[in-house]
Protein backbone atom coordinates (compact mmCIF):
# COMPACT_ATOMS: atom_id res chain seq x y z
CA MET A 1 -101.62 49.86 36.64
CA TRP A 2 -100.88 46.92 37.33
CA THR A 3 -102.72 43.64 37.34
CA ASN A 4 -101.36 40.15 38.79
CA TRP A 5 -101.05 37.59 36.30
CA ALA A 6 -104.31 35.77 37.17
CA ARG A 7 -106.33 39.26 37.46
CA THR A 8 -107.47 38.94 40.40
CA ALA A 9 -105.98 42.37 41.90
CA THR A 10 -105.01 45.33 40.62
CA ALA A 11 -103.25 48.46 42.10
CA ASN A 12 -101.98 51.78 40.72
CA PRO A 13 -99.67 52.75 43.26
CA VAL A 14 -98.33 56.56 43.60
CA ARG A 15 -94.79 55.59 42.47
CA VAL A 16 -92.78 52.78 40.94
CA VAL A 17 -89.04 52.19 42.48
CA HIS A 18 -86.55 49.79 40.65
CA PRO A 19 -83.48 50.07 42.89
CA ALA A 20 -80.18 48.30 41.10
CA SER A 21 -78.60 48.61 44.91
CA THR A 22 -79.01 47.75 48.41
CA ASP A 23 -78.92 52.16 48.98
CA GLU A 24 -81.30 52.85 46.20
CA ILE A 25 -83.63 50.11 48.27
CA ALA A 26 -82.92 51.17 51.80
CA ALA A 27 -83.54 54.81 50.42
CA ALA A 28 -86.81 53.73 49.02
CA VAL A 29 -87.97 51.98 51.93
CA THR A 30 -87.57 55.27 54.10
CA SER A 31 -88.47 58.31 52.22
CA ALA A 32 -91.80 56.16 51.91
CA GLY A 33 -95.22 56.12 53.74
CA ARG A 34 -95.77 52.86 52.75
CA VAL A 35 -93.29 50.33 50.36
CA ARG A 36 -94.57 46.47 49.03
CA ALA A 37 -92.12 45.29 46.88
CA ARG A 38 -94.13 43.11 44.74
CA GLY A 39 -92.07 40.52 42.69
CA SER A 40 -93.05 39.19 39.79
CA GLY A 41 -96.72 38.97 40.58
CA HIS A 42 -97.17 35.38 39.95
CA SER A 43 -99.77 35.21 43.44
CA PHE A 44 -103.06 34.67 42.72
CA ASN A 45 -104.54 37.22 45.81
CA ASP A 46 -103.52 41.03 46.67
CA ILE A 47 -100.41 39.95 48.24
CA ALA A 48 -98.24 41.69 46.07
CA VAL A 49 -100.28 45.16 45.67
CA ALA A 50 -98.86 48.18 46.79
CA PRO A 51 -101.04 50.84 48.08
CA GLU A 52 -98.78 53.41 47.65
CA VAL A 53 -94.69 52.82 46.77
CA ALA A 54 -94.48 49.61 45.07
CA MET A 55 -90.91 48.52 44.58
CA ASP A 56 -90.44 46.65 41.75
CA LEU A 57 -86.49 45.07 41.66
CA ASP A 58 -85.96 43.58 37.92
CA ARG A 59 -83.02 45.75 37.98
CA TRP A 60 -81.83 43.92 41.12
CA THR A 61 -81.33 40.15 39.90
CA GLY A 62 -78.91 37.28 39.58
CA ILE A 63 -76.16 35.69 41.09
CA VAL A 64 -74.05 37.74 43.39
CA ARG A 65 -70.89 34.78 44.30
CA ALA A 66 -71.14 30.62 44.30
CA ASP A 67 -68.84 28.50 45.59
CA VAL A 68 -69.42 25.00 43.52
CA GLU A 69 -67.88 22.94 45.87
CA THR A 70 -70.32 23.52 49.05
CA GLY A 71 -73.24 25.21 46.78
CA LEU A 72 -73.72 27.91 48.96
CA VAL A 73 -75.03 30.35 46.33
CA THR A 74 -75.75 33.69 46.88
CA VAL A 75 -78.60 35.61 44.82
CA ARG A 76 -80.46 38.94 44.08
CA SER A 77 -84.21 38.83 45.42
CA GLY A 78 -85.67 40.04 42.24
CA THR A 79 -83.81 37.92 40.33
CA PRO A 80 -86.55 35.09 38.70
CA LEU A 81 -86.26 31.83 38.81
CA HIS A 82 -86.07 30.59 35.40
CA ALA A 83 -83.14 32.79 35.18
CA LEU A 84 -81.46 31.20 38.35
CA ASN A 85 -82.18 27.92 37.11
CA ALA A 86 -80.17 28.75 33.92
CA ASP A 87 -77.55 30.30 36.32
CA LEU A 88 -76.75 27.69 38.57
CA HIS A 89 -76.70 25.04 35.50
CA ARG A 90 -74.83 27.04 33.76
CA LEU A 91 -72.41 26.20 37.12
CA GLY A 92 -72.72 22.53 37.83
CA LEU A 93 -75.65 22.66 40.05
CA ALA A 94 -79.25 22.72 40.80
CA MET A 95 -81.61 23.95 43.55
CA PRO A 96 -82.54 21.02 45.34
CA ASN A 97 -86.55 20.93 44.16
CA LEU A 98 -89.01 23.15 42.98
CA GLY A 99 -92.71 23.21 41.62
CA ASP A 100 -93.74 23.64 38.37
CA ILE A 101 -93.59 27.05 38.03
CA ASP A 102 -90.77 29.46 37.35
CA ALA A 103 -91.72 32.83 36.41
CA GLN A 104 -91.75 34.21 39.72
CA THR A 105 -88.92 35.61 41.57
CA ILE A 106 -86.62 33.85 43.74
CA ALA A 107 -87.58 36.26 46.95
CA GLY A 108 -91.45 36.02 45.98
CA ALA A 109 -91.08 32.28 45.86
CA VAL A 110 -89.52 31.59 49.76
CA SER A 111 -91.54 34.46 50.82
CA THR A 112 -95.34 32.87 50.08
CA SER A 113 -93.76 29.24 51.42
CA THR A 114 -93.83 27.68 47.46
CA HIS A 115 -93.32 24.20 47.20
CA GLY A 116 -93.10 21.11 45.03
CA THR A 117 -93.25 18.05 45.52
CA GLY A 118 -91.39 15.14 47.37
CA ALA A 119 -91.41 13.70 50.82
CA LYS A 120 -87.97 13.93 51.68
CA LEU A 121 -88.10 17.98 50.81
CA GLY A 122 -89.44 20.79 52.10
CA VAL A 123 -90.53 23.74 50.55
CA LEU A 124 -88.57 26.16 48.77
CA ALA A 125 -87.24 28.30 51.70
CA THR A 126 -85.85 25.17 53.81
CA PHE A 127 -83.29 25.52 51.21
CA ILE A 128 -82.06 28.83 52.55
CA GLU A 129 -79.00 29.39 54.42
CA SER A 130 -78.70 33.32 55.53
CA LEU A 131 -80.87 35.89 54.55
CA GLU A 132 -80.43 39.49 54.13
CA LEU A 133 -82.71 42.12 54.37
CA VAL A 134 -83.40 45.99 54.56
CA LEU A 135 -85.40 46.69 57.46
CA ALA A 136 -88.05 49.43 58.16
CA ASP A 137 -85.34 51.86 59.25
CA GLY A 138 -82.85 51.75 56.26
CA SER A 139 -80.49 49.41 57.88
CA LEU A 140 -79.07 46.59 55.91
CA VAL A 141 -79.40 43.54 58.23
CA THR A 142 -78.33 39.32 58.11
CA CYS A 143 -79.88 36.83 59.90
CA SER A 144 -79.02 32.88 59.88
CA ALA A 145 -79.70 29.35 62.25
CA SER A 146 -76.86 31.45 64.32
CA GLU A 147 -77.25 34.93 63.88
CA ARG A 148 -81.01 36.84 64.27
CA PRO A 149 -82.24 33.42 64.82
CA ASP A 150 -85.61 34.36 65.13
CA LEU A 151 -85.43 37.37 62.40
CA PHE A 152 -84.35 34.14 60.19
CA ASN A 153 -87.37 31.88 61.45
CA ALA A 154 -89.58 34.61 60.56
CA ALA A 155 -88.51 35.96 57.56
CA ARG A 156 -87.63 32.46 55.50
CA VAL A 157 -91.66 32.77 54.68
CA GLY A 158 -92.11 36.34 55.64
CA LEU A 159 -94.95 37.44 52.84
CA GLY A 160 -92.59 40.64 53.00
CA ALA A 161 -93.86 41.79 56.05
CA LEU A 162 -90.53 42.16 58.05
CA GLY A 163 -88.18 44.36 55.28
CA VAL A 164 -87.11 44.05 51.74
CA ILE A 165 -84.81 40.76 50.95
CA SER A 166 -81.89 41.99 49.46
CA THR A 167 -79.89 38.90 48.98
CA LEU A 168 -80.71 34.93 49.47
CA THR A 169 -77.73 32.78 50.13
CA LEU A 170 -79.21 29.18 49.50
CA ARG A 171 -77.95 25.58 49.65
CA CYS A 172 -77.64 24.35 45.79
CA VAL A 173 -76.75 20.93 45.40
CA PRO A 174 -74.60 19.04 42.11
CA SER A 175 -76.99 19.69 38.60
CA PHE A 176 -78.96 16.20 38.74
CA VAL A 177 -81.42 14.18 36.24
CA LEU A 178 -83.75 13.48 36.73
CA ARG A 179 -86.23 10.41 34.87
CA ALA A 180 -89.85 11.22 34.74
CA SER A 181 -92.61 8.53 34.19
CA GLU A 182 -95.76 9.85 33.80
CA GLY A 183 -99.24 8.60 32.38
CA PRO A 184 -102.50 8.07 33.38
CA GLY A 185 -104.13 6.52 36.07
CA ARG A 186 -107.69 5.62 38.21
CA LEU A 187 -108.43 7.75 41.52
CA ASP A 188 -109.15 4.99 43.81
CA ALA A 189 -105.83 2.84 42.52
CA VAL A 190 -103.92 6.80 42.66
CA LEU A 191 -104.49 6.87 46.33
CA GLU A 192 -103.99 3.50 47.45
CA GLU A 193 -100.45 3.13 46.88
CA PHE A 194 -100.54 7.31 46.98
CA ASP A 195 -98.40 6.41 50.57
CA ASP A 196 -96.24 3.27 49.69
CA LEU A 197 -95.19 5.61 45.89
CA CYS A 198 -94.02 8.24 48.55
CA SER A 199 -91.80 6.64 50.26
CA VAL A 200 -90.01 4.82 47.53
CA GLU A 201 -90.08 7.66 44.47
CA ASP A 202 -88.35 10.92 44.86
CA HIS A 203 -91.14 12.86 43.52
CA VAL A 204 -94.59 12.09 43.10
CA GLU A 205 -97.64 14.23 42.39
CA PHE A 206 -100.67 13.49 40.65
CA HIS A 207 -103.54 15.60 39.32
CA TRP A 208 -106.42 14.38 39.18
CA PHE A 209 -110.23 15.34 36.94
CA THR A 210 -112.06 16.34 39.05
CA HIS A 211 -115.97 15.59 38.09
CA SER A 212 -114.18 12.11 36.97
CA ASP A 213 -112.09 9.72 38.51
CA ARG A 214 -109.19 9.99 35.73
CA VAL A 215 -105.74 11.07 37.30
CA ILE A 216 -101.36 12.06 35.69
CA LEU A 217 -99.47 10.08 37.70
CA LYS A 218 -96.36 11.69 37.78
CA ARG A 219 -93.19 10.42 39.18
CA ASN A 220 -89.71 12.24 38.84
CA ASN A 221 -86.57 9.73 40.42
CA ARG A 222 -83.19 10.99 39.89
CA ILE A 223 -80.88 8.67 37.52
CA ASP A 224 -76.77 8.83 37.13
CA GLU A 225 -76.98 8.68 33.28
CA PRO A 226 -77.23 11.15 30.46
CA ALA A 227 -79.92 13.49 29.84
CA ARG A 228 -82.86 11.56 26.87
CA PRO A 229 -85.10 14.46 26.56
CA LEU A 230 -87.89 15.16 24.41
CA SER A 231 -87.29 15.84 21.04
CA LYS A 232 -88.38 19.24 19.96
CA PHE A 233 -90.55 18.55 17.92
CA ARG A 234 -92.66 16.36 20.64
CA GLN A 235 -91.97 18.79 23.25
CA PHE A 236 -93.73 21.59 21.31
CA TYR A 237 -96.95 19.76 20.26
CA GLU A 238 -97.05 18.32 23.74
CA TYR A 239 -96.72 21.01 26.22
CA GLU A 240 -97.89 24.53 23.23
CA LEU A 241 -100.01 22.51 21.40
CA PHE A 242 -101.56 19.97 23.39
CA GLU A 243 -101.45 20.76 27.01
CA ASN A 244 -101.69 24.88 25.76
CA ALA A 245 -103.22 25.67 23.14
CA ALA A 246 -106.18 22.56 22.45
CA PHE A 247 -106.36 22.79 26.75
CA GLY A 248 -107.12 26.73 26.35
CA ALA A 249 -109.17 26.37 23.59
CA VAL A 250 -110.97 23.66 25.35
CA CYS A 251 -111.45 25.79 28.45
CA LYS A 252 -113.10 28.19 25.66
CA VAL A 253 -115.63 25.59 24.51
CA ALA A 254 -116.36 25.22 28.72
CA LYS A 255 -116.51 28.89 29.28
CA THR A 256 -119.25 28.97 26.49
CA PHE A 257 -121.10 26.17 27.78
CA PRO A 258 -120.96 25.52 31.25
CA ARG A 259 -123.09 22.26 30.85
CA SER A 260 -119.66 20.67 28.63
CA THR A 261 -117.83 21.43 31.55
CA VAL A 262 -118.37 18.04 33.45
CA LYS A 263 -118.21 15.50 29.84
CA LEU A 264 -114.97 17.45 29.21
CA ASN A 265 -113.07 17.45 31.99
CA GLU A 266 -113.68 13.28 31.36
CA ILE A 267 -112.73 13.68 28.13
CA CYS A 268 -109.45 15.19 28.39
CA GLY A 269 -108.07 12.57 31.09
CA ALA A 270 -109.58 9.83 28.87
CA LEU A 271 -106.58 11.19 26.72
CA VAL A 272 -103.80 11.62 28.86
CA SER A 273 -101.24 9.03 27.84
CA ASP A 274 -97.42 7.58 29.10
CA ARG A 275 -94.36 9.59 28.63
CA SER A 276 -91.51 8.87 29.73
CA TYR A 277 -87.80 10.47 29.03
CA SER A 278 -84.88 12.24 31.15
CA ASP A 279 -84.03 15.93 31.79
CA TYR A 280 -82.45 17.92 34.06
CA SER A 281 -83.80 18.93 36.81
CA HIS A 282 -85.38 22.20 36.33
CA ASN A 283 -86.62 21.10 32.67
CA VAL A 284 -88.72 18.20 34.13
CA PHE A 285 -90.17 20.16 37.48
CA VAL A 286 -91.59 22.91 35.59
CA THR A 287 -94.35 23.01 32.96
CA PRO A 288 -95.34 25.52 30.84
CA ARG A 289 -98.47 27.30 32.10
CA ARG A 290 -100.32 29.89 28.80
CA VAL A 291 -103.46 29.29 29.42
CA ARG A 292 -104.69 31.63 32.34
CA PHE A 293 -106.73 30.47 35.60
CA VAL A 294 -107.67 30.83 39.64
CA GLU A 295 -106.41 28.36 42.34
CA THR A 296 -106.66 27.85 45.69
CA GLU A 297 -104.29 25.41 47.42
CA PHE A 298 -104.28 24.46 51.16
CA ALA A 299 -101.92 22.27 53.26
CA ILE A 300 -103.39 19.63 54.90
CA PRO A 301 -101.88 17.18 57.06
CA ARG A 302 -100.80 13.92 55.02
CA SER A 303 -102.46 11.45 57.34
CA SER A 304 -105.77 13.38 56.53
CA LEU A 305 -105.03 13.40 52.69
CA LEU A 306 -108.06 10.43 51.54
CA ASP A 307 -110.82 11.37 54.05
CA VAL A 308 -110.43 15.26 51.97
CA ILE A 309 -110.16 13.69 48.68
CA ALA A 310 -113.34 11.59 49.21
CA GLU A 311 -115.51 14.94 50.96
CA LEU A 312 -114.35 17.09 47.40
CA ARG A 313 -115.46 13.94 45.29
CA ASN A 314 -118.76 14.27 47.00
CA ALA A 315 -118.64 18.25 46.74
CA ALA A 316 -117.57 17.89 42.60
CA ALA A 317 -120.91 15.23 42.45
CA ARG A 318 -123.02 18.50 43.41
CA VAL A 319 -121.57 22.03 42.63
CA ARG A 320 -123.08 24.32 40.14
CA ASP A 321 -119.54 24.83 38.33
CA ALA A 322 -117.82 22.45 38.10
CA LEU A 323 -113.64 22.72 37.75
CA ILE A 324 -112.42 22.32 34.01
CA VAL A 325 -108.60 22.34 35.14
CA PRO A 326 -107.14 19.15 37.04
CA CYS A 327 -107.17 19.60 40.81
CA GLU A 328 -103.23 19.63 41.91
CA VAL A 329 -101.92 16.96 44.84
CA ARG A 330 -98.30 17.36 45.85
CA VAL A 331 -96.31 16.36 49.62
CA ALA A 332 -93.85 18.10 51.68
CA GLN A 333 -91.69 17.21 54.63
CA ALA A 334 -92.53 18.33 57.93
CA ASP A 335 -90.23 21.82 58.80
CA ASP A 336 -89.54 24.24 61.87
CA ILE A 337 -90.19 27.75 59.57
CA TRP A 338 -92.80 30.00 61.74
CA LEU A 339 -95.03 30.57 58.99
CA SER A 340 -93.99 27.41 56.37
CA THR A 341 -97.10 26.07 55.58
CA ALA A 342 -95.14 22.61 56.39
CA GLN A 343 -94.57 24.06 59.71
CA GLY A 344 -94.40 21.02 62.12
CA ARG A 345 -95.91 18.54 60.17
CA ASP A 346 -95.70 15.98 57.29
CA THR A 347 -97.90 17.50 54.54
CA ALA A 348 -100.28 17.56 51.46
CA TYR A 349 -100.94 19.79 49.36
CA ILE A 350 -103.61 19.84 47.07
CA SER A 351 -104.58 22.84 44.61
CA MET A 352 -108.07 23.54 42.57
CA HIS A 353 -107.33 25.56 39.96
CA GLN A 354 -110.36 27.22 37.30
CA ALA A 355 -110.05 28.64 34.22
CA LEU A 356 -110.29 32.35 34.17
CA GLY A 357 -113.46 33.83 33.76
CA MET A 358 -115.26 30.53 34.94
CA GLY A 359 -117.53 29.87 38.37
CA TYR A 360 -115.95 28.76 40.79
CA HIS A 361 -116.48 30.23 44.13
CA GLU A 362 -118.74 27.95 45.16
CA PHE A 363 -116.53 24.45 44.98
CA PHE A 364 -113.78 27.09 46.04
CA ASP A 365 -115.76 27.25 49.56
CA ILE A 366 -116.66 24.34 50.02
CA TYR A 367 -113.44 23.14 49.81
CA ALA A 368 -112.03 25.83 52.26
CA GLN A 369 -114.52 24.54 54.74
CA ILE A 370 -113.21 20.88 54.36
CA ALA A 371 -109.78 22.17 54.54
CA LYS A 372 -110.36 23.55 58.14
CA SER A 373 -112.16 20.95 59.67
CA VAL A 374 -108.70 18.90 59.26
CA GLY A 375 -106.54 22.21 60.08
CA GLY A 376 -105.19 22.94 56.56
CA ARG A 377 -103.16 26.38 55.83
CA PRO A 378 -103.90 28.00 53.00
CA HIS A 379 -100.66 28.71 50.81
CA TRP A 380 -100.22 32.36 51.30
CA GLY A 381 -99.86 33.57 47.31
CA LYS A 382 -103.18 32.00 46.41
CA MET A 383 -106.84 32.61 47.12
CA HIS A 384 -108.54 32.35 50.40
CA ASN A 385 -110.53 34.06 52.53
CA LEU A 386 -108.68 33.24 55.94
CA SER A 387 -108.09 35.92 59.09
CA ALA A 388 -105.94 36.79 61.61
CA GLU A 389 -108.02 34.68 63.50
CA ASP A 390 -108.07 32.49 61.69
CA LEU A 391 -104.88 31.72 61.31
CA ARG A 392 -103.41 32.38 64.18
CA PRO A 393 -104.48 28.86 66.23
CA LEU A 394 -102.43 26.69 62.80
CA TYR A 395 -99.54 28.56 63.51
CA PRO A 396 -97.86 27.72 66.95
CA HIS A 397 -95.07 30.28 66.31
CA PHE A 398 -98.05 33.18 65.23
CA ASP A 399 -97.47 35.50 67.55
CA ASP A 400 -93.45 34.87 68.12
CA PHE A 401 -93.98 36.42 63.93
CA LEU A 402 -95.62 39.21 65.03
CA ARG A 403 -93.14 39.82 67.53
CA VAL A 404 -90.71 40.22 65.53
CA ARG A 405 -92.66 42.33 63.06
CA ASP A 406 -93.59 44.37 66.21
CA GLU A 407 -89.26 44.70 66.35
CA VAL A 408 -88.25 45.38 63.25
CA ASP A 409 -91.44 46.88 61.02
CA PRO A 410 -93.60 49.08 63.94
CA ASN A 411 -95.01 51.83 61.52
CA ARG A 412 -96.41 48.72 59.49
CA ILE A 413 -94.85 50.52 56.28
CA PHE A 414 -94.56 46.88 54.17
CA SER A 415 -97.87 46.47 55.06
CA ASN A 416 -100.67 46.69 52.74
CA ALA A 417 -104.92 44.67 52.50
CA TYR A 418 -103.57 41.25 53.04
CA LEU A 419 -101.24 41.78 55.67
CA ASP A 420 -103.49 43.80 57.71
CA ARG A 421 -106.65 40.65 57.01
CA VAL A 422 -103.44 37.79 57.59
CA LEU A 423 -101.74 39.28 60.48
CA GLY A 424 -104.38 41.96 62.03
């Protein structure tokens, strides 16, 4: 029995395979009725559920080759982001941007349009130079902007629906140091300057304690200076004790006494203090997450951010189940990937979270309706109820994606219930 990280999806596959070569991947694909590569299980919905054969790529990891001069790095698809970051750093390289969790496999991260934050940077899939896939017939194909471009446009954010990614060639950059500036703020003040911040900061985001006006504002900028990280003691105190152990205890209190959630949410916001340090990029982007939660996220036009936040503030005052975990707001640059959540428009992302075991349906449903009113696109790996009928108008190339899928997987051997719902 397999369960995802958030414990929102389970599967009992007929068979689990652990291929260690492209030949073994191909053999598993051609011998299965239906097969699904399941990544690290860090999605919050059932996208990774394998109804028949589950493919675990834990034996298919590591960098295949790297050109330090050009920054082009070919990596096996089962490589977890935390391992890739460490390997790149040893080579003097880095991903241009990252999200705040590094548990995902590189293939799972790009396939669901995972992103970081930065108005001049795209989702992680925009860093792909080329892809190698095993298709339904067992053939191994390569695609790029110049070779099978339609397959490339579809497969960069492919939801695992087109084949099993074997390797990815990424455009990396020389290792760089970020100066991190984090501190408390008030929602109205942050919103008033948010566009200006996005234009001058390399990476900016804020975490909003949804039942108050308190936020944590985070700004990360490249510097040409040596890294000056937090001391080991302070890292342990702030991340492990305060942000994980203590916050986990707060969540348990809120779960036991739900009426205390609003007050606890405000108290947590009031306890935020300033923090400034510098470190190599992957150590700044990524934050340890020990407290389990459920999450929904919509990508909205950046121009709609203020209106959506205003509606969420109104909703926060009337929902029965308050959210103990802060809401996270990030941005990304428009791109041209067919099913990227930032396709064709500069995007703001609003992620809403709730501690595992606490009520969330009402607020998440309200948020989904608010997002729908501005053309919000759900994160492919997070909780949502949209179907192909809902999603088609949101993606100009939705039917192009389905056309490519018909070409490479006509018998739907890579499908599951989630893909049946979102792709039809």
